[in-house]
């Protein structure tokens, strides 16, 4: 199993786009080993934007398909880190 890629997802408008992102992540759930969600929150407000960090496994093709589907969602930006041996 190839688990050498980290994907960062920046969602600029969580209220509007989080449901769409969740649908894509659920579809590719077997390719996600670790998922961490980050956003600012406080007693009086919650951040409009957020970041999700994924540790991906599986084929390069599956990982690329996940990336392409996320890129089609408005107000979502993708970043990747790949660790080669």
C-alpha atoms as a PDB file:
ATOM      1  CA  UNK A   1       0.000   0.000   0.000  1.00  0.00           C
ATOM      2  CA  UNK A   2       1.423   3.370  -1.046  1.00  0.00           C
ATOM      3  CA  UNK A   3       0.852   5.942   1.738  1.00  0.00           C
ATOM      4  CA  UNK A   4       3.450   8.562   0.877  1.00  0.00           C
ATOM      5  CA  UNK A   5       1.266  11.506  -0.089  1.00  0.00           C
ATOM      6  CA  UNK A   6      -0.143  14.279   2.087  1.00  0.00           C
ATOM      7  CA  UNK A   7      -2.936  16.419   0.630  1.00  0.00           C
ATOM      8  CA  UNK A   8      -3.986  19.758   2.073  1.00  0.00           C
ATOM      9  CA  UNK A   9      -7.465  21.067   1.293  1.00  0.00           C
ATOM     10  CA  UNK A  10      -8.273  24.728   1.963  1.00  0.00           C
ATOM     11  CA  UNK A  11     -12.003  25.452   2.007  1.00  0.00           C
ATOM     12  CA  UNK A  12     -12.614  29.190   1.714  1.00  0.00           C
ATOM     13  CA  UNK A  13     -16.343  29.008   2.549  1.00  0.00           C
ATOM     14  CA  UNK A  14     -16.990  26.064   4.883  1.00  0.00           C
ATOM     15  CA  UNK A  15     -20.718  26.723   5.255  1.00  0.00           C
ATOM     16  CA  UNK A  16     -21.271  26.603   1.502  1.00  0.00           C
ATOM     17  CA  UNK A  17     -18.759  23.969   0.350  1.00  0.00           C
ATOM     18  CA  UNK A  18     -18.141  21.581   3.281  1.00  0.00           C
ATOM     19  CA  UNK A  19     -20.980  19.237   2.289  1.00  0.00           C
ATOM     20  CA  UNK A  20     -19.613  18.847  -1.243  1.00  0.00           C
ATOM     21  CA  UNK A  21     -16.098  18.215   0.078  1.00  0.00           C
ATOM     22  CA  UNK A  22     -17.454  15.630   2.527  1.00  0.00           C
ATOM     23  CA  UNK A  23     -19.218  13.761  -0.295  1.00  0.00           C
ATOM     24  CA  UNK A  24     -15.954  13.473  -2.247  1.00  0.00           C
ATOM     25  CA  UNK A  25     -13.986  12.419   0.832  1.00  0.00           C
ATOM     26  CA  UNK A  26     -16.570   9.744   1.618  1.00  0.00           C
ATOM     27  CA  UNK A  27     -16.346   8.433  -1.956  1.00  0.00           C
ATOM     28  CA  UNK A  28     -12.560   8.038  -1.573  1.00  0.00           C
ATOM     29  CA  UNK A  29     -12.668   7.003   2.099  1.00  0.00           C
ATOM     30  CA  UNK A  30     -10.715   3.781   1.500  1.00  0.00           C
ATOM     31  CA  UNK A  31      -7.818   5.910   0.202  1.00  0.00           C
ATOM     32  CA  UNK A  32      -7.674   8.130   3.304  1.00  0.00           C
ATOM     33  CA  UNK A  33      -5.559   6.746   6.133  1.00  0.00           C
ATOM     34  CA  UNK A  34      -5.562   9.887   8.315  1.00  0.00           C
ATOM     35  CA  UNK A  35      -7.730  13.015   8.266  1.00  0.00           C
ATOM     36  CA  UNK A  36      -7.224  16.164  10.340  1.00  0.00           C
ATOM     37  CA  UNK A  37      -9.542  19.179  10.171  1.00  0.00           C
ATOM     38  CA  UNK A  38      -8.486  22.649  11.322  1.00  0.00           C
ATOM     39  CA  UNK A  39     -10.379  25.912  11.665  1.00  0.00           C
ATOM     40  CA  UNK A  40     -10.446  28.852  14.065  1.00  0.00           C
ATOM     41  CA  UNK A  41     -13.239  28.769  16.582  1.00  0.00           C
ATOM     42  CA  UNK A  42     -14.162  30.775  19.633  1.00  0.00           C
ATOM     43  CA  UNK A  43     -16.992  31.469  21.999  1.00  0.00           C
ATOM     44  CA  UNK A  44     -18.424  34.203  19.777  1.00  0.00           C
ATOM     45  CA  UNK A  45     -17.548  33.135  16.229  1.00  0.00           C
ATOM     46  CA  UNK A  46     -16.379  30.323  13.995  1.00  0.00           C
ATOM     47  CA  UNK A  47     -14.025  30.743  11.049  1.00  0.00           C
ATOM     48  CA  UNK A  48     -15.529  30.815   7.563  1.00  0.00           C
ATOM     49  CA  UNK A  49     -12.521  28.975   6.131  1.00  0.00           C
ATOM     50  CA  UNK A  50     -10.871  25.729   7.152  1.00  0.00           C
ATOM     51  CA  UNK A  51      -8.117  23.301   6.272  1.00  0.00           C
ATOM     52  CA  UNK A  52      -8.236  19.518   5.999  1.00  0.00           C
ATOM     53  CA  UNK A  53      -5.028  17.488   5.963  1.00  0.00           C
ATOM     54  CA  UNK A  54      -5.169  13.970   4.486  1.00  0.00           C
ATOM     55  CA  UNK A  55      -2.673  11.117   4.512  1.00  0.00           C
ATOM     56  CA  UNK A  56      -3.506   9.276   1.296  1.00  0.00           C
ATOM     57  CA  UNK A  57      -3.027   5.626   0.360  1.00  0.00           C
ATOM     58  CA  UNK A  58      -3.771   3.649  -2.766  1.00  0.00           C
ATOM     59  CA  UNK A  59      -2.874   4.057  -6.390  1.00  0.00           C
ATOM     60  CA  UNK A  60      -1.620   7.273  -7.945  1.00  0.00           C
ATOM     61  CA  UNK A  61      -4.668   7.166 -10.240  1.00  0.00           C
ATOM     62  CA  UNK A  62      -7.118   7.082  -7.317  1.00  0.00           C
ATOM     63  CA  UNK A  63      -5.286   9.909  -5.583  1.00  0.00           C
ATOM     64  CA  UNK A  64      -5.330  12.000  -8.767  1.00  0.00           C
ATOM     65  CA  UNK A  65      -9.064  11.350  -9.240  1.00  0.00           C
ATOM     66  CA  UNK A  66      -9.705  12.554  -5.672  1.00  0.00           C
ATOM     67  CA  UNK A  67      -7.694  15.711  -6.347  1.00  0.00           C
ATOM     68  CA  UNK A  68      -9.542  16.422  -9.612  1.00  0.00           C
ATOM     69  CA  UNK A  69     -12.969  16.025  -8.001  1.00  0.00           C
ATOM     70  CA  UNK A  70     -12.034  18.374  -5.163  1.00  0.00           C
ATOM     71  CA  UNK A  71     -10.649  20.954  -7.606  1.00  0.00           C
ATOM     72  CA  UNK A  72     -14.063  21.140  -9.276  1.00  0.00           C
ATOM     73  CA  UNK A  73     -15.589  22.486  -6.064  1.00  0.00           C
ATOM     74  CA  UNK A  74     -15.679  26.275  -5.986  1.00  0.00           C
ATOM     75  CA  UNK A  75     -13.635  27.931  -3.213  1.00  0.00           C
ATOM     76  CA  UNK A  76     -11.469  24.829  -2.634  1.00  0.00           C
ATOM     77  CA  UNK A  77      -7.694  24.867  -3.096  1.00  0.00           C
ATOM     78  CA  UNK A  78      -5.450  21.785  -3.042  1.00  0.00           C
ATOM     79  CA  UNK A  79      -1.804  21.375  -2.030  1.00  0.00           C
ATOM     80  CA  UNK A  80       0.234  18.156  -2.031  1.00  0.00           C
ATOM     81  CA  UNK A  81       3.425  16.754  -0.525  1.00  0.00           C
ATOM     82  CA  UNK A  82       4.840  13.490  -1.889  1.00  0.00           C
ATOM     83  CA  UNK A  83       7.509  11.499  -0.057  1.00  0.00           C
ATOM     84  CA  UNK A  84       9.603   9.269  -2.319  1.00  0.00           C
ATOM     85  CA  UNK A  85      11.883   6.523  -1.119  1.00  0.00           C
END
